[in-house]
PDB file of all heavy atoms in Angstrom:
ATOM      1  N   PRO A   1     -26.251   0.711  11.525  1.00  0.00           N
ATOM      2  CA  PRO A   1     -24.852   1.154  11.403  1.00  0.00           C
ATOM      3  C   PRO A   1     -23.993   0.703  12.570  1.00  0.00           C
ATOM      4  O   PRO A   1     -22.820   0.315  12.380  1.00  0.00           O
ATOM      5  CB  PRO A   1     -24.984   2.674  11.330  1.00  0.00           C
ATOM      6  CG  PRO A   1     -26.350   2.920  10.799  1.00  0.00           C
ATOM      7  CD  PRO A   1     -27.202   1.831  11.378  1.00  0.00           C
ATOM      8  N   HIS A   2     -24.563   0.742  13.784  1.00  0.00           N
ATOM      9  CA  HIS A   2     -23.778   0.331  14.949  1.00  0.00           C
ATOM     10  C   HIS A   2     -23.511  -1.170  14.913  1.00  0.00           C
ATOM     11  O   HIS A   2     -22.394  -1.621  15.248  1.00  0.00           O
ATOM     12  CB  HIS A   2     -24.533   0.681  16.227  1.00  0.00           C
ATOM     13  CG  HIS A   2     -23.756   0.383  17.488  1.00  0.00           C
ATOM     14  ND1 HIS A   2     -22.612   1.067  17.827  1.00  0.00           N
ATOM     15  CD2 HIS A   2     -23.953  -0.541  18.457  1.00  0.00           C
ATOM     16  CE1 HIS A   2     -22.137   0.599  18.964  1.00  0.00           C
ATOM     17  NE2 HIS A   2     -22.935  -0.391  19.376  1.00  0.00           N
ATOM     18  N   MET A   3     -24.482  -1.959  14.470  1.00  0.00           N
ATOM     19  CA  MET A   3     -24.275  -3.397  14.365  1.00  0.00           C
ATOM     20  C   MET A   3     -23.233  -3.734  13.297  1.00  0.00           C
ATOM     21  O   MET A   3     -22.406  -4.634  13.471  1.00  0.00           O
ATOM     22  CB  MET A   3     -25.606  -4.087  14.070  1.00  0.00           C
ATOM     23  CG  MET A   3     -26.617  -3.978  15.204  1.00  0.00           C
ATOM     24  SD  MET A   3     -28.202  -4.730  14.791  1.00  0.00           S
ATOM     25  CE  MET A   3     -27.779  -6.464  14.743  1.00  0.00           C
ATOM     26  N   LEU A   4     -23.282  -3.011  12.172  1.00  0.00           N
ATOM     27  CA  LEU A   4     -22.274  -3.218  11.139  1.00  0.00           C
ATOM     28  C   LEU A   4     -20.886  -2.891  11.655  1.00  0.00           C
ATOM     29  O   LEU A   4     -19.906  -3.597  11.355  1.00  0.00           O
ATOM     30  CB  LEU A   4     -22.604  -2.359   9.920  1.00  0.00           C
ATOM     31  CG  LEU A   4     -23.828  -2.767   9.095  1.00  0.00           C
ATOM     32  CD1 LEU A   4     -24.132  -1.691   8.048  1.00  0.00           C
ATOM     33  CD2 LEU A   4     -23.590  -4.110   8.421  1.00  0.00           C
ATOM     34  N   TRP A   5     -20.792  -1.834  12.436  1.00  0.00           N
ATOM     35  CA  TRP A   5     -19.495  -1.460  13.008  1.00  0.00           C
ATOM     36  C   TRP A   5     -18.997  -2.540  13.969  1.00  0.00           C
ATOM     37  O   TRP A   5     -17.819  -2.902  13.942  1.00  0.00           O
ATOM     38  CB  TRP A   5     -19.620  -0.125  13.724  1.00  0.00           C
ATOM     39  CG  TRP A   5     -18.372   0.300  14.440  1.00  0.00           C
ATOM     40  CD1 TRP A   5     -17.234   0.800  13.892  1.00  0.00           C
ATOM     41  CD2 TRP A   5     -18.135   0.232  15.855  1.00  0.00           C
ATOM     42  NE1 TRP A   5     -16.297   1.054  14.866  1.00  0.00           N
ATOM     43  CE2 TRP A   5     -16.823   0.716  16.081  1.00  0.00           C
ATOM     44  CE3 TRP A   5     -18.906  -0.170  16.941  1.00  0.00           C
ATOM     45  CZ2 TRP A   5     -16.281   0.803  17.362  1.00  0.00           C
ATOM     46  CZ3 TRP A   5     -18.359  -0.090  18.216  1.00  0.00           C
ATOM     47  CH2 TRP A   5     -17.053   0.393  18.414  1.00  0.00           C
ATOM     48  N   LEU A   6     -19.897  -3.066  14.805  1.00  0.00           N
ATOM     49  CA  LEU A   6     -19.500  -4.133  15.720  1.00  0.00           C
ATOM     50  C   LEU A   6     -19.006  -5.354  14.944  1.00  0.00           C
ATOM     51  O   LEU A   6     -18.009  -5.979  15.326  1.00  0.00           O
ATOM     52  CB  LEU A   6     -20.688  -4.523  16.611  1.00  0.00           C
ATOM     53  CG  LEU A   6     -21.078  -3.546  17.719  1.00  0.00           C
ATOM     54  CD1 LEU A   6     -22.332  -4.043  18.429  1.00  0.00           C
ATOM     55  CD2 LEU A   6     -19.939  -3.353  18.723  1.00  0.00           C
ATOM     56  N   GLY A   7     -19.692  -5.712  13.864  1.00  0.00           N
ATOM     57  CA  GLY A   7     -19.243  -6.844  13.074  1.00  0.00           C
ATOM     58  C   GLY A   7     -17.884  -6.625  12.448  1.00  0.00           C
ATOM     59  O   GLY A   7     -17.039  -7.518  12.430  1.00  0.00           O
ATOM     60  N   THR A   8     -17.659  -5.397  11.966  1.00  0.00           N
ATOM     61  CA  THR A   8     -16.355  -5.072  11.379  1.00  0.00           C
ATOM     62  C   THR A   8     -15.252  -5.133  12.424  1.00  0.00           C
ATOM     63  O   THR A   8     -14.170  -5.696  12.183  1.00  0.00           O
ATOM     64  CB  THR A   8     -16.394  -3.661  10.750  1.00  0.00           C
ATOM     65  OG1 THR A   8     -17.369  -3.640   9.708  1.00  0.00           O
ATOM     66  CG2 THR A   8     -15.034  -3.271  10.204  1.00  0.00           C
ATOM     67  N   VAL A   9     -15.529  -4.592  13.600  1.00  0.00           N
ATOM     68  CA  VAL A   9     -14.529  -4.584  14.664  1.00  0.00           C
ATOM     69  C   VAL A   9     -14.208  -6.010  15.118  1.00  0.00           C
ATOM     70  O   VAL A   9     -13.032  -6.359  15.348  1.00  0.00           O
ATOM     71  CB  VAL A   9     -15.014  -3.723  15.850  1.00  0.00           C
ATOM     72  CG1 VAL A   9     -14.132  -3.940  17.077  1.00  0.00           C
ATOM     73  CG2 VAL A   9     -15.009  -2.251  15.468  1.00  0.00           C
ATOM     74  N   ALA A  10     -15.229  -6.845  15.247  1.00  0.00           N
ATOM     75  CA  ALA A  10     -14.985  -8.229  15.666  1.00  0.00           C
ATOM     76  C   ALA A  10     -14.086  -8.950  14.668  1.00  0.00           C
ATOM     77  O   ALA A  10     -13.154  -9.674  15.046  1.00  0.00           O
ATOM     78  CB  ALA A  10     -16.315  -8.963  15.819  1.00  0.00           C
ATOM     79  N   THR A  11     -14.355  -8.752  13.384  1.00  0.00           N
ATOM     80  CA  THR A  11     -13.532  -9.392  12.347  1.00  0.00           C
ATOM     81  C   THR A  11     -12.093  -8.877  12.408  1.00  0.00           C
ATOM     82  O   THR A  11     -11.136  -9.656  12.295  1.00  0.00           O
ATOM     83  CB  THR A  11     -14.121  -9.115  10.961  1.00  0.00           C
ATOM     84  OG1 THR A  11     -15.459  -9.631  10.910  1.00  0.00           O
ATOM     85  CG2 THR A  11     -13.304  -9.768   9.877  1.00  0.00           C
ATOM     86  N   MET A  12     -11.939  -7.563  12.560  1.00  0.00           N
ATOM     87  CA  MET A  12     -10.586  -6.991  12.618  1.00  0.00           C
ATOM     88  C   MET A  12      -9.818  -7.477  13.848  1.00  0.00           C
ATOM     89  O   MET A  12      -8.615  -7.725  13.780  1.00  0.00           O
ATOM     90  CB  MET A  12     -10.686  -5.465  12.613  1.00  0.00           C
ATOM     91  CG  MET A  12     -11.185  -4.872  11.310  1.00  0.00           C
ATOM     92  SD  MET A  12     -11.294  -3.054  11.339  1.00  0.00           S
ATOM     93  CE  MET A  12      -9.533  -2.629  11.430  1.00  0.00           C
ATOM     94  N   LEU A  13     -10.526  -7.642  14.974  1.00  0.00           N
ATOM     95  CA  LEU A  13      -9.853  -8.128  16.182  1.00  0.00           C
ATOM     96  C   LEU A  13      -9.407  -9.576  16.016  1.00  0.00           C
ATOM     97  O   LEU A  13      -8.313  -9.946  16.462  1.00  0.00           O
ATOM     98  CB  LEU A  13     -10.792  -7.999  17.382  1.00  0.00           C
ATOM     99  CG  LEU A  13     -11.049  -6.582  17.890  1.00  0.00           C
ATOM    100  CD1 LEU A  13     -12.104  -6.595  18.980  1.00  0.00           C
ATOM    101  CD2 LEU A  13      -9.762  -5.942  18.413  1.00  0.00           C
ATOM    102  N   GLN A  14     -10.230 -10.395  15.377  1.00  0.00           N
ATOM    103  CA  GLN A  14      -9.837 -11.782  15.140  1.00  0.00           C
ATOM    104  C   GLN A  14      -8.616 -11.845  14.212  1.00  0.00           C
ATOM    105  O   GLN A  14      -7.695 -12.631  14.442  1.00  0.00           O
ATOM    106  CB  GLN A  14     -11.002 -12.562  14.539  1.00  0.00           C
ATOM    107  CG  GLN A  14     -12.132 -12.851  15.525  1.00  0.00           C
ATOM    108  CD  GLN A  14     -13.255 -13.627  14.898  1.00  0.00           C
ATOM    109  OE1 GLN A  14     -13.613 -13.419  13.750  1.00  0.00           O
ATOM    110  NE2 GLN A  14     -13.845 -14.540  15.665  1.00  0.00           N
ATOM    111  N   THR A  15      -8.615 -11.007  13.180  1.00  0.00           N
ATOM    112  CA  THR A  15      -7.474 -10.973  12.269  1.00  0.00           C
ATOM    113  C   THR A  15      -6.223 -10.482  12.979  1.00  0.00           C
ATOM    114  O   THR A  15      -5.127 -11.039  12.791  1.00  0.00           O
ATOM    115  CB  THR A  15      -7.788 -10.062  11.066  1.00  0.00           C
ATOM    116  OG1 THR A  15      -8.957 -10.539  10.404  1.00  0.00           O
ATOM    117  CG2 THR A  15      -6.622 -10.040  10.084  1.00  0.00           C
ATOM    118  N   ALA A  16      -6.375  -9.466  13.808  1.00  0.00           N
ATOM    119  CA  ALA A  16      -5.229  -8.936  14.558  1.00  0.00           C
ATOM    120  C   ALA A  16      -4.674  -9.983  15.498  1.00  0.00           C
ATOM    121  O   ALA A  16      -3.446 -10.135  15.651  1.00  0.00           O
ATOM    122  CB  ALA A  16      -5.644  -7.686  15.321  1.00  0.00           C
ATOM    123  N   GLY A  17      -5.555 -10.737  16.161  1.00  0.00           N
ATOM    124  CA  GLY A  17      -5.095 -11.794  17.059  1.00  0.00           C
ATOM    125  C   GLY A  17      -4.278 -12.836  16.324  1.00  0.00           C
ATOM    126  O   GLY A  17      -3.242 -13.298  16.815  1.00  0.00           O
ATOM    127  N   ALA A  18      -4.731 -13.207  15.124  1.00  0.00           N
ATOM    128  CA  ALA A  18      -3.983 -14.190  14.331  1.00  0.00           C
ATOM    129  C   ALA A  18      -2.623 -13.639  13.920  1.00  0.00           C
ATOM    130  O   ALA A  18      -1.610 -14.356  13.924  1.00  0.00           O
ATOM    131  CB  ALA A  18      -4.801 -14.586  13.104  1.00  0.00           C
ATOM    132  N   GLN A  19      -2.575 -12.343  13.555  1.00  0.00           N
ATOM    133  CA  GLN A  19      -1.307 -11.737  13.144  1.00  0.00           C
ATOM    134  C   GLN A  19      -0.332 -11.659  14.321  1.00  0.00           C
ATOM    135  O   GLN A  19       0.872 -11.901  14.166  1.00  0.00           O
ATOM    136  CB  GLN A  19      -1.561 -10.344  12.573  1.00  0.00           C
ATOM    137  CG  GLN A  19      -2.253 -10.340  11.223  1.00  0.00           C
ATOM    138  CD  GLN A  19      -2.538  -8.934  10.731  1.00  0.00           C
ATOM    139  OE1 GLN A  19      -3.676  -8.489  10.736  1.00  0.00           O
ATOM    140  NE2 GLN A  19      -1.497  -8.232  10.309  1.00  0.00           N
ATOM    141  N   ILE A  20      -0.841 -11.319  15.495  1.00  0.00           N
ATOM    142  CA  ILE A  20       0.032 -11.239  16.677  1.00  0.00           C
ATOM    143  C   ILE A  20       0.576 -12.614  17.035  1.00  0.00           C
ATOM    144  O   ILE A  20       1.760 -12.783  17.353  1.00  0.00           O
ATOM    145  CB  ILE A  20      -0.745 -10.632  17.855  1.00  0.00           C
ATOM    146  CG1 ILE A  20      -1.094  -9.163  17.568  1.00  0.00           C
ATOM    147  CG2 ILE A  20       0.066 -10.723  19.145  1.00  0.00           C
ATOM    148  CD1 ILE A  20      -2.021  -8.533  18.573  1.00  0.00           C
ATOM    149  N   ALA A  21      -0.298 -13.628  16.995  1.00  0.00           N
ATOM    150  CA  ALA A  21       0.147 -14.989  17.302  1.00  0.00           C
ATOM    151  C   ALA A  21       1.195 -15.457  16.300  1.00  0.00           C
ATOM    152  O   ALA A  21       2.192 -16.105  16.683  1.00  0.00           O
ATOM    153  CB  ALA A  21      -1.041 -15.936  17.323  1.00  0.00           C
ATOM    154  N   ALA A  22       0.999 -15.145  15.013  1.00  0.00           N
ATOM    155  CA  ALA A  22       1.968 -15.556  13.996  1.00  0.00           C
ATOM    156  C   ALA A  22       3.323 -14.885  14.220  1.00  0.00           C
ATOM    157  O   ALA A  22       4.374 -15.505  14.029  1.00  0.00           O
ATOM    158  CB  ALA A  22       1.435 -15.217  12.603  1.00  0.00           C
ATOM    159  N   THR A  23       3.294 -13.623  14.635  1.00  0.00           N
ATOM    160  CA  THR A  23       4.549 -12.922  14.928  1.00  0.00           C
ATOM    161  C   THR A  23       5.255 -13.571  16.109  1.00  0.00           C
ATOM    162  O   THR A  23       6.484 -13.737  16.112  1.00  0.00           O
ATOM    163  CB  THR A  23       4.282 -11.444  15.220  1.00  0.00           C
ATOM    164  OG1 THR A  23       3.606 -10.845  14.100  1.00  0.00           O
ATOM    165  CG2 THR A  23       5.578 -10.682  15.466  1.00  0.00           C
ATOM    166  N   GLY A  24       4.496 -13.917  17.140  1.00  0.00           N
ATOM    167  CA  GLY A  24       5.089 -14.586  18.299  1.00  0.00           C
ATOM    168  C   GLY A  24       5.687 -15.931  17.942  1.00  0.00           C
ATOM    169  O   GLY A  24       6.773 -16.289  18.425  1.00  0.00           O
ATOM    170  N   GLU A  25       5.014 -16.688  17.082  1.00  0.00           N
ATOM    171  CA  GLU A  25       5.543 -17.981  16.656  1.00  0.00           C
ATOM    172  C   GLU A  25       6.844 -17.805  15.866  1.00  0.00           C
ATOM    173  O   GLU A  25       7.794 -18.582  16.044  1.00  0.00           O
ATOM    174  CB  GLU A  25       4.496 -18.707  15.805  1.00  0.00           C
ATOM    175  CG  GLU A  25       3.290 -19.163  16.611  1.00  0.00           C
ATOM    176  CD  GLU A  25       2.148 -19.624  15.726  1.00  0.00           C
ATOM    177  OE1 GLU A  25       2.311 -19.572  14.487  1.00  0.00           O
ATOM    178  OE2 GLU A  25       1.109 -20.037  16.269  1.00  0.00           O
ATOM    179  N   GLN A  26       6.899 -16.776  15.011  1.00  0.00           N
ATOM    180  CA  GLN A  26       8.119 -16.524  14.251  1.00  0.00           C
ATOM    181  C   GLN A  26       9.257 -16.128  15.181  1.00  0.00           C
ATOM    182  O   GLN A  26      10.421 -16.507  14.945  1.00  0.00           O
ATOM    183  CB  GLN A  26       7.877 -15.429  13.205  1.00  0.00           C
ATOM    184  CG  GLN A  26       9.093 -15.127  12.347  1.00  0.00           C
ATOM    185  CD  GLN A  26       9.606 -16.344  11.583  1.00  0.00           C
ATOM    186  OE1 GLN A  26       8.825 -17.108  11.046  1.00  0.00           O
ATOM    187  NE2 GLN A  26      10.923 -16.516  11.544  1.00  0.00           N
ATOM    188  N   PHE A  27       8.947 -15.379  16.235  1.00  0.00           N
ATOM    189  CA  PHE A  27       9.986 -15.013  17.203  1.00  0.00           C
ATOM    190  C   PHE A  27      10.569 -16.266  17.856  1.00  0.00           C
ATOM    191  O   PHE A  27      11.799 -16.392  18.009  1.00  0.00           O
ATOM    192  CB  PHE A  27       9.418 -14.095  18.273  1.00  0.00           C
ATOM    193  CG  PHE A  27      10.412 -13.751  19.347  1.00  0.00           C
ATOM    194  CD1 PHE A  27      11.280 -12.684  19.187  1.00  0.00           C
ATOM    195  CD2 PHE A  27      10.491 -14.497  20.516  1.00  0.00           C
ATOM    196  CE1 PHE A  27      12.219 -12.368  20.169  1.00  0.00           C
ATOM    197  CE2 PHE A  27      11.410 -14.186  21.503  1.00  0.00           C
ATOM    198  CZ  PHE A  27      12.268 -13.120  21.340  1.00  0.00           C
ATOM    199  N   GLU A  28       9.699 -17.205  18.250  1.00  0.00           N
ATOM    200  CA  GLU A  28      10.175 -18.424  18.890  1.00  0.00           C
ATOM    201  C   GLU A  28      11.024 -19.254  17.942  1.00  0.00           C
ATOM    202  O   GLU A  28      12.035 -19.845  18.352  1.00  0.00           O
ATOM    203  CB  GLU A  28       8.990 -19.236  19.409  1.00  0.00           C
ATOM    204  CG  GLU A  28       8.321 -18.645  20.632  1.00  0.00           C
ATOM    205  CD  GLU A  28       9.256 -18.561  21.824  1.00  0.00           C
ATOM    206  OE1 GLU A  28      10.034 -19.529  22.043  1.00  0.00           O
ATOM    207  OE2 GLU A  28       9.247 -17.532  22.524  1.00  0.00           O
ATOM    208  N   VAL A  29      10.624 -19.318  16.664  1.00  0.00           N
ATOM    209  CA  VAL A  29      11.408 -20.061  15.671  1.00  0.00           C
ATOM    210  C   VAL A  29      12.802 -19.443  15.534  1.00  0.00           C
ATOM    211  O   VAL A  29      13.824 -20.148  15.525  1.00  0.00           O
ATOM    212  CB  VAL A  29      10.686 -20.092  14.317  1.00  0.00           C
ATOM    213  CG1 VAL A  29      11.600 -20.629  13.218  1.00  0.00           C
ATOM    214  CG2 VAL A  29       9.419 -20.930  14.411  1.00  0.00           C
ATOM    215  N   ALA A  30      12.843 -18.105  15.413  1.00  0.00           N
ATOM    216  CA  ALA A  30      14.126 -17.427  15.252  1.00  0.00           C
ATOM    217  C   ALA A  30      14.982 -17.561  16.517  1.00  0.00           C
ATOM    218  O   ALA A  30      16.208 -17.733  16.442  1.00  0.00           O
ATOM    219  CB  ALA A  30      13.888 -15.951  14.931  1.00  0.00           C
ATOM    220  N   LYS A  31      14.343 -17.500  17.664  1.00  0.00           N
ATOM    221  CA  LYS A  31      15.072 -17.626  18.933  1.00  0.00           C
ATOM    222  C   LYS A  31      15.729 -18.996  19.059  1.00  0.00           C
ATOM    223  O   LYS A  31      16.915 -19.105  19.417  1.00  0.00           O
ATOM    224  CB  LYS A  31      14.104 -17.395  20.099  1.00  0.00           C
ATOM    225  CG  LYS A  31      14.708 -17.643  21.477  1.00  0.00           C
ATOM    226  CD  LYS A  31      13.649 -17.443  22.558  1.00  0.00           C
ATOM    227  CE  LYS A  31      14.162 -17.808  23.934  1.00  0.00           C
ATOM    228  NZ  LYS A  31      13.132 -17.637  24.983  1.00  0.00           N
ATOM    229  N   MET A  32      14.971 -20.061  18.762  1.00  0.00           N
ATOM    230  CA  MET A  32      15.515 -21.402  18.897  1.00  0.00           C
ATOM    231  C   MET A  32      16.635 -21.679  17.899  1.00  0.00           C
ATOM    232  O   MET A  32      17.472 -22.560  18.123  1.00  0.00           O
ATOM    233  CB  MET A  32      14.395 -22.430  18.723  1.00  0.00           C
ATOM    234  CG  MET A  32      13.316 -22.345  19.785  1.00  0.00           C
ATOM    235  SD  MET A  32      13.960 -22.455  21.484  1.00  0.00           S
ATOM    236  CE  MET A  32      14.666 -24.102  21.484  1.00  0.00           C
ATOM    237  N   ALA A  33      16.666 -20.940  16.782  1.00  0.00           N
ATOM    238  CA  ALA A  33      17.715 -21.122  15.788  1.00  0.00           C
ATOM    239  C   ALA A  33      18.949 -20.276  16.079  1.00  0.00           C
ATOM    240  O   ALA A  33      19.926 -20.330  15.327  1.00  0.00           O
ATOM    241  CB  ALA A  33      17.183 -20.783  14.390  1.00  0.00           C
ATOM    242  N   THR A  34      18.895 -19.471  17.149  1.00  0.00           N
ATOM    243  CA  THR A  34      20.001 -18.579  17.506  1.00  0.00           C
ATOM    244  C   THR A  34      20.768 -19.174  18.678  1.00  0.00           C
ATOM    245  O   THR A  34      20.169 -19.713  19.620  1.00  0.00           O
ATOM    246  CB  THR A  34      19.461 -17.183  17.881  1.00  0.00           C
ATOM    247  OG1 THR A  34      18.713 -16.657  16.778  1.00  0.00           O
ATOM    248  CG2 THR A  34      20.603 -16.229  18.224  1.00  0.00           C
ATOM    249  N   ALA A  35      22.094 -19.077  18.618  1.00  0.00           N
ATOM    250  CA  ALA A  35      22.920 -19.599  19.707  1.00  0.00           C
ATOM    251  C   ALA A  35      22.574 -18.905  21.013  1.00  0.00           C
ATOM    252  O   ALA A  35      22.272 -17.710  21.039  1.00  0.00           O
ATOM    253  CB  ALA A  35      24.395 -19.401  19.379  1.00  0.00           C
ATOM    254  N   THR A  36      22.602 -19.660  22.092  1.00  0.00           N
ATOM    255  CA  THR A  36      22.321 -19.085  23.410  1.00  0.00           C
ATOM    256  C   THR A  36      23.519 -18.287  23.894  1.00  0.00           C
ATOM    257  O   THR A  36      24.654 -18.508  23.427  1.00  0.00           O
ATOM    258  CB  THR A  36      21.999 -20.186  24.426  1.00  0.00           C
ATOM    259  OG1 THR A  36      23.190 -20.983  24.623  1.00  0.00           O
ATOM    260  CG2 THR A  36      20.867 -21.080  23.930  1.00  0.00           C
ATOM    261  N   PRO A  37      23.327 -17.360  24.823  1.00  0.00           N
ATOM    262  CA  PRO A  37      24.473 -16.634  25.394  1.00  0.00           C
ATOM    263  C   PRO A  37      25.521 -17.571  25.997  1.00  0.00           C
ATOM    264  O   PRO A  37      26.736 -17.298  25.917  1.00  0.00           O
ATOM    265  CB  PRO A  37      23.832 -15.748  26.449  1.00  0.00           C
ATOM    266  CG  PRO A  37      22.442 -15.505  25.948  1.00  0.00           C
ATOM    267  CD  PRO A  37      22.048 -16.808  25.306  1.00  0.00           C
ATOM    268  N   ALA A  38      25.073 -18.678  26.571  1.00  0.00           N
ATOM    269  CA  ALA A  38      26.033 -19.631  27.166  1.00  0.00           C
ATOM    270  C   ALA A  38      26.895 -20.273  26.087  1.00  0.00           C
ATOM    271  O   ALA A  38      28.107 -20.472  26.276  1.00  0.00           O
ATOM    272  CB  ALA A  38      25.277 -20.700  27.945  1.00  0.00           C
ATOM    273  N   GLU A  39      26.299 -20.602  24.940  1.00  0.00           N
ATOM    274  CA  GLU A  39      27.064 -21.189  23.847  1.00  0.00           C
ATOM    275  C   GLU A  39      28.090 -20.207  23.298  1.00  0.00           C
ATOM    276  O   GLU A  39      29.240 -20.582  23.001  1.00  0.00           O
ATOM    277  CB  GLU A  39      26.110 -21.636  22.732  1.00  0.00           C
ATOM    278  CG  GLU A  39      25.273 -22.850  23.094  1.00  0.00           C
ATOM    279  CD  GLU A  39      24.245 -23.169  22.027  1.00  0.00           C
ATOM    280  OE1 GLU A  39      23.674 -22.223  21.440  1.00  0.00           O
ATOM    281  OE2 GLU A  39      24.005 -24.369  21.773  1.00  0.00           O
TER     282      GLU A  39
END
């Protein structure tokens, strides 16, 4: 049971990492498409 839990947690952490990275990439895309304060 403990090994199964470790496997589940590892998979969930990898998925969470991918979701966080995708959110960060979307932020950068939206930022670059937005006028700067100087503009």
